[in-house]
Protein backbone atom coordinates (compact mmCIF):
# COMPACT_ATOMS: atom_id res chain seq x y z
CA MET A 1 -2.08 -18.11 -25.73
CA ARG A 2 -1.69 -20.85 -28.28
CA GLU A 3 1.69 -19.62 -29.51
CA GLY A 4 3.45 -21.32 -26.59
CA PRO A 5 4.71 -20.70 -23.07
CA VAL A 6 6.74 -17.88 -21.61
CA ALA A 7 10.48 -18.37 -21.39
CA ALA A 8 10.41 -18.26 -17.59
CA VAL A 9 8.47 -17.09 -14.57
CA ALA A 10 9.54 -16.84 -10.93
CA THR A 11 7.28 -15.98 -7.99
CA CYS A 12 8.83 -14.02 -5.13
CA ASP A 13 7.28 -13.38 -1.71
CA LEU A 14 7.81 -9.80 -0.58
CA VAL A 15 5.95 -8.99 2.65
CA THR A 16 3.10 -10.34 4.79
CA PHE A 17 0.86 -7.59 6.15
CA PRO A 18 -2.51 -7.06 7.88
CA TYR A 19 -5.64 -6.26 5.91
CA PRO A 20 -9.16 -5.67 7.25
CA ALA A 21 -11.13 -8.93 7.33
CA GLN A 22 -14.31 -7.09 6.39
CA PHE A 23 -12.73 -6.21 3.04
CA ALA A 24 -11.02 -9.51 2.24
CA PHE A 25 -14.23 -11.44 1.52
CA SER A 26 -16.69 -8.53 1.28
CA GLY A 27 -17.83 -9.17 4.85
CA ALA A 28 -18.56 -12.87 4.27
CA ALA A 29 -16.03 -14.36 6.72
CA SER A 30 -17.43 -14.75 10.25
CA SER A 31 -14.20 -14.73 12.28
CA PRO A 32 -14.03 -12.12 15.08
CA ALA A 33 -10.46 -11.28 14.05
CA PRO A 34 -10.24 -7.73 12.70
CA TYR A 35 -7.51 -8.55 10.19
CA VAL A 36 -6.53 -11.23 7.75
CA MET A 37 -2.89 -11.59 6.75
CA LEU A 38 -1.92 -11.25 3.11
CA THR A 39 1.42 -11.98 1.46
CA ASN A 40 2.31 -9.66 -1.37
CA ARG A 41 4.04 -11.47 -4.23
CA MET A 42 5.99 -10.40 -7.30
CA GLN A 43 6.20 -12.33 -10.56
CA VAL A 44 9.34 -12.05 -12.66
CA VAL A 45 8.27 -12.98 -16.19
CA GLN A 46 10.54 -13.43 -19.19
CA PHE A 47 8.93 -13.72 -22.61
CA VAL A 48 9.90 -13.43 -26.27
CA ASP A 49 8.35 -10.42 -27.98
CA ARG A 50 7.32 -9.87 -31.62
CA GLU A 51 10.88 -8.98 -32.61
CA GLY A 52 12.24 -12.18 -31.09
CA ALA A 53 13.86 -10.40 -28.14
CA ARG A 54 13.70 -11.84 -24.65
CA ARG A 55 12.07 -9.29 -22.34
CA THR A 56 11.78 -9.09 -18.56
CA LEU A 57 8.62 -7.90 -16.80
CA LEU A 58 8.25 -7.38 -13.06
CA PHE A 59 4.59 -7.70 -12.09
CA ASN A 60 3.79 -6.12 -8.72
CA PRO A 61 7.32 -5.16 -7.66
CA SER A 62 6.05 -3.40 -4.55
CA ASP A 63 8.43 -1.02 -2.80
CA TYR A 64 6.82 -1.85 0.52
CA GLU A 65 9.11 0.35 2.60
CA ARG A 66 7.66 3.36 0.78
CA GLY A 67 4.18 1.90 0.40
CA VAL A 68 3.43 2.30 4.11
CA SER A 69 3.08 6.03 3.42
CA ALA A 70 -0.38 5.41 1.97
CA PRO A 71 -2.83 7.08 4.42
CA PHE A 72 -4.59 3.83 5.38
CA TYR A 73 -1.39 2.07 6.43
CA ARG A 74 0.20 5.20 7.85
CA ALA A 75 -2.77 5.47 10.23
CA LEU A 76 -2.51 1.77 11.09
CA ARG A 77 1.16 2.21 11.93
CA GLU A 78 0.40 5.22 14.11
CA ARG A 79 -2.29 3.24 15.93
CA TYR A 80 -0.17 0.19 16.76
CA GLY A 81 3.32 1.67 16.80
CA ALA A 82 6.41 0.79 14.82
CA PHE A 83 7.37 -2.35 16.77
CA VAL A 84 3.98 -4.08 16.57
CA SER A 85 3.45 -2.95 12.98
CA ASP A 86 6.88 -4.07 11.74
CA LYS A 87 7.74 -7.04 13.96
CA VAL A 88 4.42 -8.59 15.01
CA MET A 89 1.86 -7.79 12.34
CA SER A 90 4.24 -7.83 9.36
CA THR A 91 6.90 -10.19 8.04
CA ARG A 92 9.45 -9.18 5.42
CA HIS A 93 10.41 -12.07 3.16
CA GLY A 94 12.66 -10.24 0.74
CA SER A 95 12.88 -7.04 -1.22
CA VAL A 96 12.57 -6.58 -4.95
CA GLN A 97 16.29 -5.90 -5.03
CA SER A 98 17.26 -9.03 -3.10
CA HIS A 99 15.01 -11.29 -5.15
CA LEU A 100 16.42 -10.00 -8.43
CA ALA A 101 19.96 -10.49 -7.16
CA ALA A 102 19.12 -14.07 -6.17
CA LEU A 103 17.86 -14.66 -9.71
CA GLY A 104 21.08 -13.29 -11.17
CA LEU A 105 19.49 -10.12 -12.56
CA ILE A 106 20.67 -6.54 -12.37
CA PRO A 107 18.42 -3.46 -12.67
CA ALA A 108 19.36 -2.95 -16.33
CA ASP A 109 17.92 -6.37 -17.19
CA VAL A 110 14.37 -5.18 -16.47
CA ASP A 111 12.34 -3.88 -19.43
CA TYR A 112 8.90 -3.35 -17.88
CA LEU A 113 7.18 -2.83 -14.55
CA ALA A 114 3.44 -3.39 -14.12
CA PHE A 115 1.02 -3.60 -11.21
CA ASP A 116 -2.49 -5.00 -11.06
CA HIS A 117 -3.39 -1.58 -9.62
CA LEU A 118 -1.59 1.30 -7.97
CA HIS A 119 -2.88 1.08 -4.40
CA ILE A 120 -0.03 1.45 -1.88
CA GLN A 121 2.61 1.90 -4.60
CA ASP A 122 5.38 4.49 -4.68
CA LEU A 123 6.97 4.38 -8.13
CA ARG A 124 9.59 7.06 -7.60
CA GLY A 125 12.29 4.80 -6.19
CA TRP A 126 12.05 2.52 -9.22
CA LEU A 127 11.58 5.05 -12.04
CA GLY A 128 12.86 8.33 -10.62
CA GLY A 129 11.11 11.55 -9.70
CA ASP A 130 11.20 14.23 -7.00
CA GLY A 131 14.98 14.24 -7.20
CA MET A 132 15.25 10.47 -6.70
CA PRO A 133 17.44 8.48 -9.10
CA ALA A 134 15.78 5.62 -10.98
CA TYR A 135 16.77 2.18 -9.67
CA PHE A 136 15.76 0.64 -13.00
CA PRO A 137 17.59 2.59 -15.73
CA ARG A 138 15.69 1.15 -18.72
CA ALA A 139 12.32 0.00 -17.39
CA ARG A 140 9.01 1.56 -18.35
CA LEU A 141 5.73 1.35 -16.47
CA LEU A 142 2.85 -0.41 -18.22
CA VAL A 143 -0.41 0.94 -16.79
CA GLN A 144 -4.01 1.26 -17.88
CA ARG A 145 -4.91 4.83 -18.80
CA ALA A 146 -7.86 4.83 -16.37
CA GLU A 147 -5.59 3.72 -13.51
CA TRP A 148 -3.03 6.39 -14.26
CA GLU A 149 -5.62 9.17 -14.35
CA VAL A 150 -6.93 8.18 -10.91
CA ALA A 151 -3.39 7.94 -9.50
CA LEU A 152 -2.69 11.51 -10.60
CA GLU A 153 -6.02 12.96 -9.42
CA PRO A 154 -7.72 10.57 -6.98
CA HIS A 155 -11.20 11.02 -5.60
CA PRO A 156 -11.15 11.51 -1.79
CA MET A 157 -12.62 8.01 -1.35
CA GLN A 158 -9.72 6.55 -3.36
CA ALA A 159 -6.90 8.65 -1.91
CA VAL A 160 -6.65 6.66 1.35
CA TRP A 161 -5.08 3.77 -0.60
CA LEU A 162 -2.64 5.84 -2.67
CA VAL A 163 0.82 7.06 -1.66
CA PRO A 164 0.88 10.87 -1.90
CA GLY A 165 3.11 11.76 -4.84
CA GLY A 166 3.79 8.10 -5.56
CA ALA A 167 3.03 8.55 -9.27
CA ASP A 168 5.27 11.62 -9.70
CA ILE A 169 7.64 9.97 -12.17
CA PRO A 170 8.94 11.16 -15.55
CA ARG A 171 6.17 10.91 -18.15
CA GLU A 172 8.50 9.28 -20.68
CA ARG A 173 8.78 6.26 -18.39
CA VAL A 174 5.02 5.59 -18.64
CA VAL A 175 3.27 3.51 -21.32
CA LEU A 176 -0.50 3.99 -21.18
CA LEU A 177 -2.67 1.01 -22.11
CA ASP A 178 -6.28 0.88 -23.23
CA GLY A 179 -7.55 -2.64 -22.67
CA ASP A 180 -6.00 -6.08 -23.10
CA VAL A 181 -2.38 -6.27 -24.27
CA TRP A 182 -0.49 -9.25 -25.64
CA LEU A 183 3.09 -8.85 -24.41
CA GLY A 184 4.76 -11.73 -26.17
CA GLN A 185 4.82 -15.49 -26.23
CA GLY A 186 2.78 -16.80 -23.31
CA ALA A 187 2.18 -13.46 -21.56
CA ALA A 188 -0.70 -10.97 -21.60
CA LEU A 189 -2.17 -8.18 -19.49
CA LEU A 190 -5.95 -8.40 -19.18
CA SER A 191 -8.06 -5.35 -18.49
CA THR A 192 -10.11 -6.33 -15.43
CA PRO A 193 -11.65 -3.11 -14.11
CA GLY A 194 -13.68 -2.94 -10.94
CA HIS A 195 -11.40 -3.19 -7.93
CA THR A 196 -10.02 0.01 -9.39
CA ARG A 197 -10.96 1.78 -12.61
CA GLY A 198 -7.82 0.59 -14.36
CA ASN A 199 -7.28 -2.75 -12.65
CA MET A 200 -5.53 -5.37 -14.75
CA SER A 201 -4.48 -9.00 -14.41
CA LEU A 202 -1.43 -10.90 -15.57
CA ALA A 203 -2.09 -14.06 -17.57
CA VAL A 204 0.81 -16.44 -18.14
CA ALA A 205 1.08 -19.71 -20.04
CA THR A 206 3.66 -22.26 -18.96
CA SER A 207 4.17 -25.65 -20.57
CA ARG A 208 1.70 -27.11 -18.06
CA GLU A 209 -1.08 -24.56 -17.66
CA VAL A 210 -2.34 -21.00 -17.81
CA PHE A 211 -2.58 -19.00 -14.60
CA VAL A 212 -3.95 -15.56 -13.77
CA THR A 213 -2.89 -13.23 -10.97
CA SER A 214 -4.38 -10.02 -9.57
CA GLU A 215 -5.82 -8.70 -6.31
CA ASN A 216 -9.47 -8.96 -7.36
CA GLY A 217 -9.63 -11.90 -4.97
CA VAL A 218 -7.38 -12.54 -1.96
CA ALA A 219 -7.53 -16.34 -2.16
CA THR A 220 -7.91 -19.03 -4.77
CA GLU A 221 -11.22 -19.94 -3.13
CA SER A 222 -12.53 -16.43 -3.81
CA TYR A 223 -13.29 -17.85 -7.27
CA THR A 224 -14.92 -21.05 -5.99
CA PRO A 225 -16.52 -19.92 -2.71
CA LEU A 226 -18.67 -23.05 -2.47
CA GLN A 227 -15.40 -24.94 -1.88
CA SER A 228 -14.28 -22.62 0.92
CA ALA A 229 -13.81 -23.90 4.47
CA ILE A 230 -13.50 -20.39 5.89
CA PRO A 231 -16.49 -19.93 8.22
CA GLY A 232 -19.21 -17.89 6.57
CA VAL A 233 -17.85 -17.69 3.03
CA ARG A 234 -19.74 -20.60 1.51
CA ARG A 235 -22.98 -19.66 3.28
CA PHE A 236 -22.65 -16.05 2.10
CA ALA A 237 -22.06 -17.08 -1.51
CA GLU A 238 -25.02 -19.47 -1.46
CA HIS A 239 -27.30 -16.86 0.07
CA MET A 240 -26.27 -14.15 -2.38
CA GLY A 241 -26.09 -16.43 -5.41
CA TRP A 242 -22.52 -15.29 -6.14
CA GLU A 243 -20.03 -17.46 -8.01
CA VAL A 244 -17.10 -15.29 -6.86
CA VAL A 245 -16.45 -13.28 -3.68
CA LEU A 246 -14.78 -9.91 -4.11
CA ASN A 247 -11.85 -8.30 -2.38
CA GLY A 248 -14.11 -5.46 -1.34
CA ASN A 249 -12.17 -2.46 -0.07
CA THR A 250 -13.45 -0.36 -2.98
CA ARG A 251 -17.09 0.04 -3.89
CA GLU A 252 -17.31 2.39 -6.85
CA ASP A 253 -17.25 -0.36 -9.50
CA SER A 254 -18.17 -3.58 -7.69
CA LEU A 255 -20.38 -4.84 -10.52
CA ASP A 256 -17.48 -4.54 -12.95
CA GLN A 257 -15.16 -6.24 -10.46
CA TYR A 258 -17.51 -9.22 -10.20
CA SER A 259 -17.63 -9.51 -13.99
CA SER A 260 -13.84 -9.19 -14.23
CA MET A 261 -13.40 -12.02 -11.73
CA VAL A 262 -15.62 -14.23 -13.87
CA VAL A 263 -13.41 -13.37 -16.87
CA GLU A 264 -10.30 -14.30 -14.86
CA LYS A 265 -11.97 -17.52 -13.83
CA LEU A 266 -12.78 -18.50 -17.39
CA PHE A 267 -9.35 -17.49 -18.68
CA ALA A 268 -7.40 -19.46 -16.09
CA GLY A 269 -9.52 -22.59 -15.99
CA THR A 270 -9.19 -25.26 -13.32
CA SER A 271 -5.98 -26.04 -11.48
CA SER A 272 -3.99 -29.04 -12.67
CA VAL A 273 -3.11 -29.68 -9.01
CA GLU A 274 -6.54 -29.24 -7.39
CA GLY A 275 -9.28 -29.69 -9.96
CA ALA A 276 -12.02 -28.25 -7.73
CA PHE A 277 -10.26 -24.87 -7.71
CA ILE A 278 -9.44 -22.23 -10.30
CA ASN A 279 -5.83 -21.65 -11.33
CA PHE A 280 -5.82 -18.16 -9.85
CA HIS A 281 -2.86 -16.95 -7.81
CA PRO A 282 -3.61 -13.81 -5.79
CA SER A 283 -1.00 -11.09 -5.95
CA SER A 284 -1.74 -10.62 -2.25
CA GLN A 285 -2.28 -14.17 -1.01
CA LEU A 286 -4.35 -14.98 2.09
CA THR A 287 -1.88 -16.40 4.62
CA ALA A 288 -2.44 -18.46 7.76
CA HIS A 289 -1.47 -16.53 10.89
CA VAL A 290 -1.98 -16.84 14.64
CA MET A 291 -3.49 -13.35 14.67
CA ALA A 292 -6.17 -14.36 12.16
CA PRO A 293 -8.00 -17.40 13.62
CA GLY A 294 -10.51 -18.97 11.27
CA LEU A 295 -9.13 -17.01 8.35
CA SER A 296 -6.62 -19.44 6.87
CA PRO A 297 -6.90 -20.38 3.19
CA THR A 298 -8.65 -23.64 2.37
CA ILE A 299 -5.92 -24.34 -0.16
CA VAL A 300 -2.76 -22.65 -1.39
CA LEU A 301 -1.72 -23.68 -4.88
CA PRO A 302 2.01 -24.15 -5.58
CA ALA A 303 3.53 -20.81 -6.53
CA PRO A 304 4.06 -20.40 -10.28
CA ASN A 305 7.68 -21.08 -11.20
CA PHE A 306 8.72 -22.20 -14.67
CA GLY A 307 11.86 -22.19 -16.79
CA ASP A 308 15.10 -20.42 -15.96
CA VAL A 309 15.19 -16.68 -15.41
CA ARG A 310 18.45 -15.40 -16.86
CA PRO A 311 20.20 -12.12 -17.66
CA THR A 312 19.71 -10.49 -21.04
CA PRO A 313 23.10 -9.65 -22.59
CA ALA A 314 21.63 -7.04 -24.95
CA SER A 315 20.12 -5.07 -22.06
CA ARG A 316 23.46 -5.04 -20.24
CA ARG A 317 25.21 -3.70 -23.31
CA ALA A 318 22.57 -0.97 -23.61
CA ALA A 319 23.09 0.01 -19.98
């Protein structure tokens, strides 16, 4: 990423939600709490492409109101009821729509949508399908071919994390990727398979540093577990000889996931704020919560924000 930084990046908190503690650190954490709390975050990235045009990418713009239809979270909601699920165990920080409005953007300003993987995603509200109008009139989905194939025909062990019909969008709105992709100045999508077959990570260069984001790990310390103060994590990593600790709710490609996390670790490098930690920002960030004792992050790096996100006049004319 030597060509220079992106034009701008903004990080937006969407929703805090429960997630099984046994998955978050592959069973390493020793807290009796059944759930950790994760905060799902969206990055709005503006970069200059090969033609010199300023483009807008939304990375992980989760439509969380629809995402709860994934079988795993639908069952959780049925177990605890709507009030506990929505008011006690979850916190809504802002929607994709409200965050874009706060940044001064309209739907026509968005060129691309991308997700690290398609668990708990319903794309129809954003891109149309099943009679739904597309909220984003111009945007196309960037997705790894392997991820798309699983989303269309999931194995029964994968289906619990996928919204039924969530990928039923017009085919012309989909751009299939095969491996790493350079998007433009300061921005790239890295193929990091393992958590899912087509998992990918966003790498962004600002004027200060390079950071990487995905859900391969749920905390910055997942990449430096010997620095973790969460009970059990350091001991587990030492015992196993692991240099990273996986977000382990999928098992089919764990070896690849481990290797992908090492790639992310090398690509991002150390944090300029906390040199003992890697400059990795989880797309679903471990969050301190009264319902998750002993499962608070050792450190939370400042959220990536750089430059000024602004409307793109050409996109508004096209709309």
